[in-house]
Amino acid sequence: MSVLMVNEYADFNMLKELLGATDGNLASHTKALEKAEYILVEKQFIGRKPNTRYSVTKLGKLEFQKHIEALEKLINKTQ
């Protein structure tokens, strides 16, 4: 989610490389985020190669911000 918060979109290979995730692991996480409606998935072909790219939804942005705020509160309580 953090990658998508600072980029308009990211494709599967970009996420895989940045996160160091396996194909299966990344696929299962993106599927869960799509099901929760936190990300949009767009499948297309570039030349003859399939390309899947992801972007964050308004709901995804809102929920990620809530998550960051909760983490900040937790950190501030322990200091």
C-alpha atoms as a PDB file:
ATOM      1  CA  MET A   1       0.000   0.000   0.000  1.00  0.00           C
ATOM      2  CA  SER A   2       2.812   2.427   0.805  1.00  0.00           C
ATOM      3  CA  VAL A   3       4.208   2.038  -2.725  1.00  0.00           C
ATOM      4  CA  LEU A   4       0.809   2.853  -4.184  1.00  0.00           C
ATOM      5  CA  MET A   5       0.314   5.813  -1.867  1.00  0.00           C
ATOM      6  CA  VAL A   6       3.326   7.596  -3.370  1.00  0.00           C
ATOM      7  CA  ASN A   7       2.947   6.401  -6.984  1.00  0.00           C
ATOM      8  CA  GLU A   8       0.011   6.820  -9.339  1.00  0.00           C
ATOM      9  CA  TYR A   9       0.259   3.105 -10.077  1.00  0.00           C
ATOM     10  CA  ALA A  10       2.681   0.193  -9.909  1.00  0.00           C
ATOM     11  CA  ASP A  11       2.818  -2.913 -12.044  1.00  0.00           C
ATOM     12  CA  PHE A  12       3.286  -6.455 -10.777  1.00  0.00           C
ATOM     13  CA  ASN A  13       7.001  -6.608 -11.566  1.00  0.00           C
ATOM     14  CA  MET A  14       7.695  -3.259  -9.902  1.00  0.00           C
ATOM     15  CA  LEU A  15       5.930  -4.346  -6.712  1.00  0.00           C
ATOM     16  CA  LYS A  16       7.619  -7.733  -6.792  1.00  0.00           C
ATOM     17  CA  GLU A  17      11.054  -6.138  -7.083  1.00  0.00           C
ATOM     18  CA  LEU A  18      10.470  -3.415  -4.480  1.00  0.00           C
ATOM     19  CA  LEU A  19       8.962  -5.798  -1.943  1.00  0.00           C
ATOM     20  CA  GLY A  20      11.150  -8.827  -2.607  1.00  0.00           C
ATOM     21  CA  ALA A  21       8.004 -10.948  -2.770  1.00  0.00           C
ATOM     22  CA  THR A  22       7.381 -14.167  -4.640  1.00  0.00           C
ATOM     23  CA  ASP A  23       4.797 -14.253  -7.430  1.00  0.00           C
ATOM     24  CA  GLY A  24       2.381 -16.280  -5.297  1.00  0.00           C
ATOM     25  CA  ASN A  25       2.808 -14.150  -2.202  1.00  0.00           C
ATOM     26  CA  LEU A  26       2.299 -10.905  -4.098  1.00  0.00           C
ATOM     27  CA  ALA A  27      -0.697 -12.327  -5.967  1.00  0.00           C
ATOM     28  CA  SER A  28      -2.410 -13.361  -2.733  1.00  0.00           C
ATOM     29  CA  HIS A  29      -1.817  -9.989  -1.076  1.00  0.00           C
ATOM     30  CA  THR A  30      -3.018  -7.980  -4.070  1.00  0.00           C
ATOM     31  CA  LYS A  31      -6.077 -10.218  -4.363  1.00  0.00           C
ATOM     32  CA  ALA A  32      -6.957  -9.525  -0.704  1.00  0.00           C
ATOM     33  CA  LEU A  33      -6.459  -5.772  -1.186  1.00  0.00           C
ATOM     34  CA  GLU A  34      -8.621  -5.853  -4.316  1.00  0.00           C
ATOM     35  CA  LYS A  35     -11.360  -7.788  -2.495  1.00  0.00           C
ATOM     36  CA  ALA A  36     -11.318  -5.158   0.286  1.00  0.00           C
ATOM     37  CA  GLU A  37     -11.613  -2.519  -2.464  1.00  0.00           C
ATOM     38  CA  TYR A  38      -8.369  -0.836  -1.366  1.00  0.00           C
ATOM     39  CA  ILE A  39      -6.788  -1.183  -4.820  1.00  0.00           C
ATOM     40  CA  LEU A  40      -7.875  -1.300  -8.443  1.00  0.00           C
ATOM     41  CA  VAL A  41      -6.385  -3.934 -10.735  1.00  0.00           C
ATOM     42  CA  GLU A  42      -5.980  -3.219 -14.433  1.00  0.00           C
ATOM     43  CA  LYS A  43      -4.881  -5.981 -16.803  1.00  0.00           C
ATOM     44  CA  GLN A  44      -3.639  -5.129 -20.272  1.00  0.00           C
ATOM     45  CA  PHE A  45      -1.145  -6.204 -22.905  1.00  0.00           C
ATOM     46  CA  ILE A  46       1.961  -4.218 -23.715  1.00  0.00           C
ATOM     47  CA  GLY A  47       2.989  -5.555 -27.068  1.00  0.00           C
ATOM     48  CA  ARG A  48       2.422  -9.265 -26.649  1.00  0.00           C
ATOM     49  CA  LYS A  49       3.195  -9.352 -22.937  1.00  0.00           C
ATOM     50  CA  PRO A  50       0.495  -9.286 -20.263  1.00  0.00           C
ATOM     51  CA  ASN A  51       0.806  -6.456 -17.772  1.00  0.00           C
ATOM     52  CA  THR A  52      -1.053  -6.049 -14.491  1.00  0.00           C
ATOM     53  CA  ARG A  53      -0.979  -2.708 -12.775  1.00  0.00           C
ATOM     54  CA  TYR A  54      -2.397  -1.575  -9.477  1.00  0.00           C
ATOM     55  CA  SER A  55      -3.592   1.753  -8.133  1.00  0.00           C
ATOM     56  CA  VAL A  56      -4.999   2.752  -4.770  1.00  0.00           C
ATOM     57  CA  THR A  57      -8.683   3.628  -4.383  1.00  0.00           C
ATOM     58  CA  LYS A  58     -10.123   6.471  -2.321  1.00  0.00           C
ATOM     59  CA  LEU A  59     -11.158   3.908   0.293  1.00  0.00           C
ATOM     60  CA  GLY A  60      -7.658   2.438   0.244  1.00  0.00           C
ATOM     61  CA  LYS A  61      -6.106   5.872   0.824  1.00  0.00           C
ATOM     62  CA  LEU A  62      -8.480   6.555   3.711  1.00  0.00           C
ATOM     63  CA  GLU A  63      -7.855   3.196   5.378  1.00  0.00           C
ATOM     64  CA  PHE A  64      -4.079   3.441   4.922  1.00  0.00           C
ATOM     65  CA  GLN A  65      -4.098   6.878   6.535  1.00  0.00           C
ATOM     66  CA  LYS A  66      -6.081   5.449   9.476  1.00  0.00           C
ATOM     67  CA  HIS A  67      -3.480   2.699   9.774  1.00  0.00           C
ATOM     68  CA  ILE A  68      -0.608   5.209   9.834  1.00  0.00           C
ATOM     69  CA  GLU A  69      -2.407   7.310  12.462  1.00  0.00           C
ATOM     70  CA  ALA A  70      -2.930   4.220  14.640  1.00  0.00           C
ATOM     71  CA  LEU A  71       0.772   3.358  14.363  1.00  0.00           C
ATOM     72  CA  GLU A  72       1.736   6.920  15.293  1.00  0.00           C
ATOM     73  CA  LYS A  73      -0.498   6.788  18.382  1.00  0.00           C
ATOM     74  CA  LEU A  74       1.082   3.494  19.396  1.00  0.00           C
ATOM     75  CA  ILE A  75       4.593   4.895  18.966  1.00  0.00           C
ATOM     76  CA  ASN A  76       3.758   8.059  20.886  1.00  0.00           C
ATOM     77  CA  LYS A  77       2.352   6.033  23.809  1.00  0.00           C
ATOM     78  CA  THR A  78       5.619   4.123  24.192  1.00  0.00           C
ATOM     79  CA  GLN A  79       7.834   7.202  24.207  1.00  0.00           C
END
